[in-house]
Amino acid sequence: AWLYREIVQRRGCLDEDHFITALTLSQVLPGANPVNLSIY
């Protein structure tokens, strides 16, 4: 939620669809979801 706020809402680095794709992918991959999301 904090990453969404920073990356999508405040900075506009990614759009919402791209962020949701990143979040989904980070949950499927092994490892901690926040770390996977940050790497992606």
ModelCIF file with pLDDT and N, C-alpha, C, O atoms, coordinates in Angstrom:
data_MODEL
#
_entry.id   MODEL 
#
_entity.id                         1 
_entity.type                       polymer 
_entity.pdbx_number_of_molecules   1 
#
_entity_poly.entity_id                      1 
_entity_poly.type                           'polypeptide(L)' 
_entity_poly.nstd_linkage                   no 
_entity_poly.nstd_monomer                   no 
_entity_poly.pdbx_seq_one_letter_code       AWLYREIVQRRGCLDEDHFITALTLSQVLPGANPVNLSIY 
_entity_poly.pdbx_seq_one_letter_code_can   AWLYREIVQRRGCLDEDHFITALTLSQVLPGANPVNLSIY 
_entity_poly.pdbx_strand_id                 A 
#
loop_
_entity_poly_seq.entity_id 
_entity_poly_seq.num 
_entity_poly_seq.mon_id 
_entity_poly_seq.hetero 
1 1  ALA n 
1 2  TRP n 
1 3  LEU n 
1 4  TYR n 
1 5  ARG n 
1 6  GLU n 
1 7  ILE n 
1 8  VAL n 
1 9  GLN n 
1 10 ARG n 
1 11 ARG n 
1 12 GLY n 
1 13 CYS n 
1 14 LEU n 
1 15 ASP n 
1 16 GLU n 
1 17 ASP n 
1 18 HIS n 
1 19 PHE n 
1 20 ILE n 
1 21 THR n 
1 22 ALA n 
1 23 LEU n 
1 24 THR n 
1 25 LEU n 
1 26 SER n 
1 27 GLN n 
1 28 VAL n 
1 29 LEU n 
1 30 PRO n 
1 31 GLY n 
1 32 ALA n 
1 33 ASN n 
1 34 PRO n 
1 35 VAL n 
1 36 ASN n 
1 37 LEU n 
1 38 SER n 
1 39 ILE n 
1 40 TYR n 
#
_struct_asym.id          A 
_struct_asym.entity_id   1 
#
loop_
_ma_qa_metric.id 
_ma_qa_metric.mode 
_ma_qa_metric.name 
_ma_qa_metric.software_group_id 
_ma_qa_metric.type 
1 global pLDDT . pLDDT 
2 local  pLDDT . pLDDT 
#
_ma_qa_metric_global.metric_id      1 
_ma_qa_metric_global.metric_value   87.38 
_ma_qa_metric_global.model_id       1 
_ma_qa_metric_global.ordinal_id     1 
#
loop_
_ma_qa_metric_local.label_asym_id 
_ma_qa_metric_local.label_comp_id 
_ma_qa_metric_local.label_seq_id 
_ma_qa_metric_local.metric_id 
_ma_qa_metric_local.metric_value 
_ma_qa_metric_local.model_id 
_ma_qa_metric_local.ordinal_id 
A ALA 1  2 84.00 1 1  
A TRP 2  2 84.00 1 2  
A LEU 3  2 87.00 1 3  
A TYR 4  2 88.00 1 4  
A ARG 5  2 87.00 1 5  
A GLU 6  2 87.00 1 6  
A ILE 7  2 87.00 1 7  
A VAL 8  2 89.00 1 8  
A GLN 9  2 89.00 1 9  
A ARG 10 2 89.00 1 10 
A ARG 11 2 86.00 1 11 
A GLY 12 2 86.00 1 12 
A CYS 13 2 85.00 1 13 
A LEU 14 2 86.00 1 14 
A ASP 15 2 88.00 1 15 
A GLU 16 2 86.00 1 16 
A ASP 17 2 88.00 1 17 
A HIS 18 2 88.00 1 18 
A PHE 19 2 88.00 1 19 
A ILE 20 2 88.00 1 20 
A THR 21 2 88.00 1 21 
A ALA 22 2 88.00 1 22 
A LEU 23 2 86.00 1 23 
A THR 24 2 87.00 1 24 
A LEU 25 2 88.00 1 25 
A SER 26 2 86.00 1 26 
A GLN 27 2 85.00 1 27 
A VAL 28 2 87.00 1 28 
A LEU 29 2 86.00 1 29 
A PRO 30 2 87.00 1 30 
A GLY 31 2 83.00 1 31 
A ALA 32 2 85.00 1 32 
A ASN 33 2 86.00 1 33 
A PRO 34 2 88.00 1 34 
A VAL 35 2 90.00 1 35 
A ASN 36 2 91.00 1 36 
A LEU 37 2 90.00 1 37 
A SER 38 2 91.00 1 38 
A ILE 39 2 92.00 1 39 
A TYR 40 2 91.00 1 40 
#
loop_
_atom_site.group_PDB 
_atom_site.id 
_atom_site.type_symbol 
_atom_site.label_atom_id 
_atom_site.label_alt_id 
_atom_site.label_comp_id 
_atom_site.label_asym_id 
_atom_site.label_entity_id 
_atom_site.label_seq_id 
_atom_site.pdbx_PDB_ins_code 
_atom_site.Cartn_x 
_atom_site.Cartn_y 
_atom_site.Cartn_z 
_atom_site.occupancy 
_atom_site.B_iso_or_equiv 
_atom_site.pdbx_formal_charge 
_atom_site.auth_seq_id 
_atom_site.auth_comp_id 
_atom_site.auth_asym_id 
_atom_site.auth_atom_id 
_atom_site.pdbx_PDB_model_num 
ATOM 1   N N  . ALA A 1 1  ? 0.827  -1.207  0.000   1.00 84.00 ? 1  ALA A N  1 
ATOM 2   C CA . ALA A 1 1  ? 0.000  0.000   0.000   1.00 84.00 ? 1  ALA A CA 1 
ATOM 3   C C  . ALA A 1 1  ? 0.861  1.257   0.000   1.00 84.00 ? 1  ALA A C  1 
ATOM 4   O O  . ALA A 1 1  ? 0.565  2.218   -0.710  1.00 84.00 ? 1  ALA A O  1 
ATOM 5   N N  . TRP A 1 2  ? 1.926  1.249   0.797   1.00 84.00 ? 2  TRP A N  1 
ATOM 6   C CA . TRP A 1 2  ? 2.823  2.400   0.822   1.00 84.00 ? 2  TRP A CA 1 
ATOM 7   C C  . TRP A 1 2  ? 3.536  2.564   -0.514  1.00 84.00 ? 2  TRP A C  1 
ATOM 8   O O  . TRP A 1 2  ? 3.704  3.686   -0.992  1.00 84.00 ? 2  TRP A O  1 
ATOM 9   N N  . LEU A 1 3  ? 3.959  1.448   -1.125  1.00 87.00 ? 3  LEU A N  1 
ATOM 10  C CA . LEU A 1 3  ? 4.612  1.532   -2.432  1.00 87.00 ? 3  LEU A CA 1 
ATOM 11  C C  . LEU A 1 3  ? 3.645  2.045   -3.490  1.00 87.00 ? 3  LEU A C  1 
ATOM 12  O O  . LEU A 1 3  ? 4.032  2.845   -4.342  1.00 87.00 ? 3  LEU A O  1 
ATOM 13  N N  . TYR A 1 4  ? 2.413  1.604   -3.448  1.00 88.00 ? 4  TYR A N  1 
ATOM 14  C CA . TYR A 1 4  ? 1.406  2.091   -4.394  1.00 88.00 ? 4  TYR A CA 1 
ATOM 15  C C  . TYR A 1 4  ? 1.270  3.607   -4.272  1.00 88.00 ? 4  TYR A C  1 
ATOM 16  O O  . TYR A 1 4  ? 1.258  4.334   -5.265  1.00 88.00 ? 4  TYR A O  1 
ATOM 17  N N  . ARG A 1 5  ? 1.171  4.055   -3.037  1.00 87.00 ? 5  ARG A N  1 
ATOM 18  C CA . ARG A 1 5  ? 1.014  5.498   -2.807  1.00 87.00 ? 5  ARG A CA 1 
ATOM 19  C C  . ARG A 1 5  ? 2.206  6.277   -3.368  1.00 87.00 ? 5  ARG A C  1 
ATOM 20  O O  . ARG A 1 5  ? 2.027  7.301   -4.027  1.00 87.00 ? 5  ARG A O  1 
ATOM 21  N N  . GLU A 1 6  ? 3.403  5.798   -3.110  1.00 87.00 ? 6  GLU A N  1 
ATOM 22  C CA . GLU A 1 6  ? 4.607  6.509   -3.558  1.00 87.00 ? 6  GLU A CA 1 
ATOM 23  C C  . GLU A 1 6  ? 4.833  6.386   -5.066  1.00 87.00 ? 6  GLU A C  1 
ATOM 24  O O  . GLU A 1 6  ? 5.098  7.383   -5.738  1.00 87.00 ? 6  GLU A O  1 
ATOM 25  N N  . ILE A 1 7  ? 4.729  5.170   -5.596  1.00 87.00 ? 7  ILE A N  1 
ATOM 26  C CA . ILE A 1 7  ? 5.112  4.900   -6.979  1.00 87.00 ? 7  ILE A CA 1 
ATOM 27  C C  . ILE A 1 7  ? 4.031  5.302   -7.970  1.00 87.00 ? 7  ILE A C  1 
ATOM 28  O O  . ILE A 1 7  ? 4.341  5.821   -9.042  1.00 87.00 ? 7  ILE A O  1 
ATOM 29  N N  . VAL A 1 8  ? 2.766  5.071   -7.630  1.00 89.00 ? 8  VAL A N  1 
ATOM 30  C CA . VAL A 1 8  ? 1.674  5.346   -8.572  1.00 89.00 ? 8  VAL A CA 1 
ATOM 31  C C  . VAL A 1 8  ? 1.057  6.718   -8.299  1.00 89.00 ? 8  VAL A C  1 
ATOM 32  O O  . VAL A 1 8  ? 0.970  7.551   -9.202  1.00 89.00 ? 8  VAL A O  1 
ATOM 33  N N  . GLN A 1 9  ? 0.633  6.951   -7.070  1.00 89.00 ? 9  GLN A N  1 
ATOM 34  C CA . GLN A 1 9  ? -0.120 8.164   -6.781  1.00 89.00 ? 9  GLN A CA 1 
ATOM 35  C C  . GLN A 1 9  ? 0.747  9.415   -6.684  1.00 89.00 ? 9  GLN A C  1 
ATOM 36  O O  . GLN A 1 9  ? 0.426  10.435  -7.294  1.00 89.00 ? 9  GLN A O  1 
ATOM 37  N N  . ARG A 1 10 ? 1.826  9.352   -5.935  1.00 89.00 ? 10 ARG A N  1 
ATOM 38  C CA . ARG A 1 10 ? 2.612  10.562  -5.700  1.00 89.00 ? 10 ARG A CA 1 
ATOM 39  C C  . ARG A 1 10 ? 3.601  10.866  -6.819  1.00 89.00 ? 10 ARG A C  1 
ATOM 40  O O  . ARG A 1 10 ? 3.736  12.019  -7.227  1.00 89.00 ? 10 ARG A O  1 
ATOM 41  N N  . ARG A 1 11 ? 4.287  9.855   -7.314  1.00 86.00 ? 11 ARG A N  1 
ATOM 42  C CA . ARG A 1 11 ? 5.349  10.097  -8.286  1.00 86.00 ? 11 ARG A CA 1 
ATOM 43  C C  . ARG A 1 11 ? 4.957  9.770   -9.719  1.00 86.00 ? 11 ARG A C  1 
ATOM 44  O O  . ARG A 1 11 ? 5.583  10.265  -10.656 1.00 86.00 ? 11 ARG A O  1 
ATOM 45  N N  . GLY A 1 12 ? 3.936  8.945   -9.904  1.00 86.00 ? 12 GLY A N  1 
ATOM 46  C CA . GLY A 1 12 ? 3.500  8.590   -11.246 1.00 86.00 ? 12 GLY A CA 1 
ATOM 47  C C  . GLY A 1 12 ? 4.528  7.820   -12.055 1.00 86.00 ? 12 GLY A C  1 
ATOM 48  O O  . GLY A 1 12 ? 4.539  7.895   -13.284 1.00 86.00 ? 12 GLY A O  1 
ATOM 49  N N  . CYS A 1 13 ? 5.395  7.076   -11.369 1.00 85.00 ? 13 CYS A N  1 
ATOM 50  C CA . CYS A 1 13 ? 6.423  6.300   -12.076 1.00 85.00 ? 13 CYS A CA 1 
ATOM 51  C C  . CYS A 1 13 ? 5.816  5.138   -12.848 1.00 85.00 ? 13 CYS A C  1 
ATOM 52  O O  . CYS A 1 13 ? 6.288  4.797   -13.932 1.00 85.00 ? 13 CYS A O  1 
ATOM 53  N N  . LEU A 1 14 ? 4.774  4.531   -12.297 1.00 86.00 ? 14 LEU A N  1 
ATOM 54  C CA . LEU A 1 14 ? 4.053  3.445   -12.954 1.00 86.00 ? 14 LEU A CA 1 
ATOM 55  C C  . LEU A 1 14 ? 2.571  3.775   -12.927 1.00 86.00 ? 14 LEU A C  1 
ATOM 56  O O  . LEU A 1 14 ? 2.097  4.472   -12.030 1.00 86.00 ? 14 LEU A O  1 
ATOM 57  N N  . ASP A 1 15 ? 1.843  3.271   -13.915 1.00 88.00 ? 15 ASP A N  1 
ATOM 58  C CA . ASP A 1 15 ? 0.390  3.423   -13.854 1.00 88.00 ? 15 ASP A CA 1 
ATOM 59  C C  . ASP A 1 15 ? -0.189 2.304   -12.995 1.00 88.00 ? 15 ASP A C  1 
ATOM 60  O O  . ASP A 1 15 ? 0.522  1.375   -12.610 1.00 88.00 ? 15 ASP A O  1 
ATOM 61  N N  . GLU A 1 16 ? -1.470 2.400   -12.700 1.00 86.00 ? 16 GLU A N  1 
ATOM 62  C CA . GLU A 1 16 ? -2.103 1.453   -11.785 1.00 86.00 ? 16 GLU A CA 1 
ATOM 63  C C  . GLU A 1 16 ? -2.055 0.016   -12.314 1.00 86.00 ? 16 GLU A C  1 
ATOM 64  O O  . GLU A 1 16 ? -1.784 -0.915  -11.555 1.00 86.00 ? 16 GLU A O  1 
ATOM 65  N N  . ASP A 1 17 ? -2.318 -0.164  -13.609 1.00 88.00 ? 17 ASP A N  1 
ATOM 66  C CA . ASP A 1 17 ? -2.299 -1.512  -14.180 1.00 88.00 ? 17 ASP A CA 1 
ATOM 67  C C  . ASP A 1 17 ? -0.908 -2.140  -14.090 1.00 88.00 ? 17 ASP A C  1 
ATOM 68  O O  . ASP A 1 17 ? -0.771 -3.322  -13.772 1.00 88.00 ? 17 ASP A O  1 
ATOM 69  N N  . HIS A 1 18 ? 0.108  -1.350  -14.368 1.00 88.00 ? 18 HIS A N  1 
ATOM 70  C CA . HIS A 1 18 ? 1.479  -1.857  -14.304 1.00 88.00 ? 18 HIS A CA 1 
ATOM 71  C C  . HIS A 1 18 ? 1.848  -2.224  -12.866 1.00 88.00 ? 18 HIS A C  1 
ATOM 72  O O  . HIS A 1 18 ? 2.521  -3.228  -12.633 1.00 88.00 ? 18 HIS A O  1 
ATOM 73  N N  . PHE A 1 19 ? 1.412  -1.416  -11.913 1.00 88.00 ? 19 PHE A N  1 
ATOM 74  C CA . PHE A 1 19 ? 1.694  -1.713  -10.514 1.00 88.00 ? 19 PHE A CA 1 
ATOM 75  C C  . PHE A 1 19 ? 0.999  -2.991  -10.073 1.00 88.00 ? 19 PHE A C  1 
ATOM 76  O O  . PHE A 1 19 ? 1.595  -3.809  -9.373  1.00 88.00 ? 19 PHE A O  1 
ATOM 77  N N  . ILE A 1 20 ? -0.260 -3.172  -10.474 1.00 88.00 ? 20 ILE A N  1 
ATOM 78  C CA . ILE A 1 20 ? -0.990 -4.386  -10.100 1.00 88.00 ? 20 ILE A CA 1 
ATOM 79  C C  . ILE A 1 20 ? -0.334 -5.616  -10.711 1.00 88.00 ? 20 ILE A C  1 
ATOM 80  O O  . ILE A 1 20 ? -0.265 -6.670  -10.079 1.00 88.00 ? 20 ILE A O  1 
ATOM 81  N N  . THR A 1 21 ? 0.147  -5.477  -11.940 1.00 88.00 ? 21 THR A N  1 
ATOM 82  C CA . THR A 1 21 ? 0.894  -6.574  -12.560 1.00 88.00 ? 21 THR A CA 1 
ATOM 83  C C  . THR A 1 21 ? 2.152  -6.886  -11.752 1.00 88.00 ? 21 THR A C  1 
ATOM 84  O O  . THR A 1 21 ? 2.471  -8.050  -11.511 1.00 88.00 ? 21 THR A O  1 
ATOM 85  N N  . ALA A 1 22 ? 2.856  -5.845  -11.340 1.00 88.00 ? 22 ALA A N  1 
ATOM 86  C CA . ALA A 1 22 ? 4.068  -6.032  -10.536 1.00 88.00 ? 22 ALA A CA 1 
ATOM 87  C C  . ALA A 1 22 ? 3.736  -6.693  -9.202  1.00 88.00 ? 22 ALA A C  1 
ATOM 88  O O  . ALA A 1 22 ? 4.457  -7.584  -8.752  1.00 88.00 ? 22 ALA A O  1 
ATOM 89  N N  . LEU A 1 23 ? 2.657  -6.264  -8.577  1.00 86.00 ? 23 LEU A N  1 
ATOM 90  C CA . LEU A 1 23 ? 2.251  -6.840  -7.294  1.00 86.00 ? 23 LEU A CA 1 
ATOM 91  C C  . LEU A 1 23 ? 1.884  -8.311  -7.452  1.00 86.00 ? 23 LEU A C  1 
ATOM 92  O O  . LEU A 1 23 ? 2.267  -9.143  -6.630  1.00 86.00 ? 23 LEU A O  1 
ATOM 93  N N  . THR A 1 24 ? 1.151  -8.626  -8.497  1.00 87.00 ? 24 THR A N  1 
ATOM 94  C CA . THR A 1 24 ? 0.765  -10.018 -8.750  1.00 87.00 ? 24 THR A CA 1 
ATOM 95  C C  . THR A 1 24 ? 1.991  -10.884 -8.986  1.00 87.00 ? 24 THR A C  1 
ATOM 96  O O  . THR A 1 24 ? 2.102  -11.979 -8.435  1.00 87.00 ? 24 THR A O  1 
ATOM 97  N N  . LEU A 1 25 ? 2.896  -10.399 -9.792  1.00 88.00 ? 25 LEU A N  1 
ATOM 98  C CA . LEU A 1 25 ? 4.120  -11.151 -10.081 1.00 88.00 ? 25 LEU A CA 1 
ATOM 99  C C  . LEU A 1 25 ? 4.954  -11.336 -8.818  1.00 88.00 ? 25 LEU A C  1 
ATOM 100 O O  . LEU A 1 25 ? 5.522  -12.406 -8.602  1.00 88.00 ? 25 LEU A O  1 
ATOM 101 N N  . SER A 1 26 ? 5.032  -10.311 -7.992  1.00 86.00 ? 26 SER A N  1 
ATOM 102 C CA . SER A 1 26 ? 5.838  -10.413 -6.772  1.00 86.00 ? 26 SER A CA 1 
ATOM 103 C C  . SER A 1 26 ? 5.249  -11.424 -5.793  1.00 86.00 ? 26 SER A C  1 
ATOM 104 O O  . SER A 1 26 ? 5.981  -12.022 -5.005  1.00 86.00 ? 26 SER A O  1 
ATOM 105 N N  . GLN A 1 27 ? 3.928  -11.619 -5.838  1.00 85.00 ? 27 GLN A N  1 
ATOM 106 C CA . GLN A 1 27 ? 3.299  -12.590 -4.945  1.00 85.00 ? 27 GLN A CA 1 
ATOM 107 C C  . GLN A 1 27 ? 3.478  -14.013 -5.438  1.00 85.00 ? 27 GLN A C  1 
ATOM 108 O O  . GLN A 1 27 ? 3.449  -14.954 -4.644  1.00 85.00 ? 27 GLN A O  1 
ATOM 109 N N  . VAL A 1 28 ? 3.661  -14.180 -6.739  1.00 87.00 ? 28 VAL A N  1 
ATOM 110 C CA . VAL A 1 28 ? 3.828  -15.516 -7.307  1.00 87.00 ? 28 VAL A CA 1 
ATOM 111 C C  . VAL A 1 28 ? 5.263  -16.009 -7.123  1.00 87.00 ? 28 VAL A C  1 
ATOM 112 O O  . VAL A 1 28 ? 5.492  -17.201 -6.920  1.00 87.00 ? 28 VAL A O  1 
ATOM 113 N N  . LEU A 1 29 ? 6.208  -15.106 -7.192  1.00 86.00 ? 29 LEU A N  1 
ATOM 114 C CA . LEU A 1 29 ? 7.623  -15.485 -7.083  1.00 86.00 ? 29 LEU A CA 1 
ATOM 115 C C  . LEU A 1 29 ? 7.978  -15.868 -5.645  1.00 86.00 ? 29 LEU A C  1 
ATOM 116 O O  . LEU A 1 29 ? 7.375  -15.356 -4.701  1.00 86.00 ? 29 LEU A O  1 
ATOM 117 N N  . PRO A 1 30 ? 8.948  -16.762 -5.473  1.00 87.00 ? 30 PRO A N  1 
ATOM 118 C CA . PRO A 1 30 ? 9.379  -17.088 -4.108  1.00 87.00 ? 30 PRO A CA 1 
ATOM 119 C C  . PRO A 1 30 ? 10.098 -15.902 -3.480  1.00 87.00 ? 30 PRO A C  1 
ATOM 120 O O  . PRO A 1 30 ? 10.729 -15.106 -4.175  1.00 87.00 ? 30 PRO A O  1 
ATOM 121 N N  . GLY A 1 31 ? 9.999  -15.796 -2.182  1.00 83.00 ? 31 GLY A N  1 
ATOM 122 C CA . GLY A 1 31 ? 10.661 -14.709 -1.464  1.00 83.00 ? 31 GLY A CA 1 
ATOM 123 C C  . GLY A 1 31 ? 9.639  -13.767 -0.868  1.00 83.00 ? 31 GLY A C  1 
ATOM 124 O O  . GLY A 1 31 ? 8.432  -13.955 -1.015  1.00 83.00 ? 31 GLY A O  1 
ATOM 125 N N  . ALA A 1 32 ? 10.141 -12.761 -0.199  1.00 85.00 ? 32 ALA A N  1 
ATOM 126 C CA . ALA A 1 32 ? 9.278  -11.774 0.446   1.00 85.00 ? 32 ALA A CA 1 
ATOM 127 C C  . ALA A 1 32 ? 8.635  -10.881 -0.616  1.00 85.00 ? 32 ALA A C  1 
ATOM 128 O O  . ALA A 1 32 ? 9.325  -10.326 -1.470  1.00 85.00 ? 32 ALA A O  1 
ATOM 129 N N  . ASN A 1 33 ? 7.316  -10.749 -0.556  1.00 86.00 ? 33 ASN A N  1 
ATOM 130 C CA . ASN A 1 33 ? 6.592  -9.956  -1.554  1.00 86.00 ? 33 ASN A CA 1 
ATOM 131 C C  . ASN A 1 33 ? 7.089  -8.519  -1.670  1.00 86.00 ? 33 ASN A C  1 
ATOM 132 O O  . ASN A 1 33 ? 7.273  -8.041  -2.790  1.00 86.00 ? 33 ASN A O  1 
ATOM 133 N N  . PRO A 1 34 ? 7.318  -7.800  -0.551  1.00 88.00 ? 34 PRO A N  1 
ATOM 134 C CA . PRO A 1 34 ? 7.785  -6.419  -0.685  1.00 88.00 ? 34 PRO A CA 1 
ATOM 135 C C  . PRO A 1 34 ? 9.144  -6.322  -1.385  1.00 88.00 ? 34 PRO A C  1 
ATOM 136 O O  . PRO A 1 34 ? 9.371  -5.408  -2.178  1.00 88.00 ? 34 PRO A O  1 
ATOM 137 N N  . VAL A 1 35 ? 10.035 -7.253  -1.095  1.00 90.00 ? 35 VAL A N  1 
ATOM 138 C CA . VAL A 1 35 ? 11.350 -7.228  -1.739  1.00 90.00 ? 35 VAL A CA 1 
ATOM 139 C C  . VAL A 1 35 ? 11.194 -7.536  -3.224  1.00 90.00 ? 35 VAL A C  1 
ATOM 140 O O  . VAL A 1 35 ? 11.798 -6.867  -4.062  1.00 90.00 ? 35 VAL A O  1 
ATOM 141 N N  . ASN A 1 36 ? 10.387 -8.544  -3.556  1.00 91.00 ? 36 ASN A N  1 
ATOM 142 C CA . ASN A 1 36 ? 10.138 -8.853  -4.963  1.00 91.00 ? 36 ASN A CA 1 
ATOM 143 C C  . ASN A 1 36 ? 9.550  -7.651  -5.689  1.00 91.00 ? 36 ASN A C  1 
ATOM 144 O O  . ASN A 1 36 ? 9.946  -7.338  -6.812  1.00 91.00 ? 36 ASN A O  1 
ATOM 145 N N  . LEU A 1 37 ? 8.604  -6.981  -5.042  1.00 90.00 ? 37 LEU A N  1 
ATOM 146 C CA . LEU A 1 37 ? 7.969  -5.812  -5.650  1.00 90.00 ? 37 LEU A CA 1 
ATOM 147 C C  . LEU A 1 37 ? 8.975  -4.687  -5.855  1.00 90.00 ? 37 LEU A C  1 
ATOM 148 O O  . LEU A 1 37 ? 8.975  -4.030  -6.896  1.00 90.00 ? 37 LEU A O  1 
ATOM 149 N N  . SER A 1 38 ? 9.824  -4.466  -4.870  1.00 91.00 ? 38 SER A N  1 
ATOM 150 C CA . SER A 1 38 ? 10.824 -3.402  -5.009  1.00 91.00 ? 38 SER A CA 1 
ATOM 151 C C  . SER A 1 38 ? 11.810 -3.716  -6.129  1.00 91.00 ? 38 SER A C  1 
ATOM 152 O O  . SER A 1 38 ? 12.188 -2.824  -6.888  1.00 91.00 ? 38 SER A O  1 
ATOM 153 N N  . ILE A 1 39 ? 12.226 -4.964  -6.235  1.00 92.00 ? 39 ILE A N  1 
ATOM 154 C CA . ILE A 1 39 ? 13.145 -5.343  -7.316  1.00 92.00 ? 39 ILE A CA 1 
ATOM 155 C C  . ILE A 1 39 ? 12.473 -5.136  -8.671  1.00 92.00 ? 39 ILE A C  1 
ATOM 156 O O  . ILE A 1 39 ? 13.086 -4.606  -9.597  1.00 92.00 ? 39 ILE A O  1 
ATOM 157 N N  . TYR A 1 40 ? 11.223 -5.550  -8.785  1.00 91.00 ? 40 TYR A N  1 
ATOM 158 C CA . TYR A 1 40 ? 10.515 -5.412  -10.051 1.00 91.00 ? 40 TYR A CA 1 
ATOM 159 C C  . TYR A 1 40 ? 10.361 -3.942  -10.434 1.00 91.00 ? 40 TYR A C  1 
ATOM 160 O O  . TYR A 1 40 ? 9.785  -3.633  -11.478 1.00 91.00 ? 40 TYR A O  1 
#
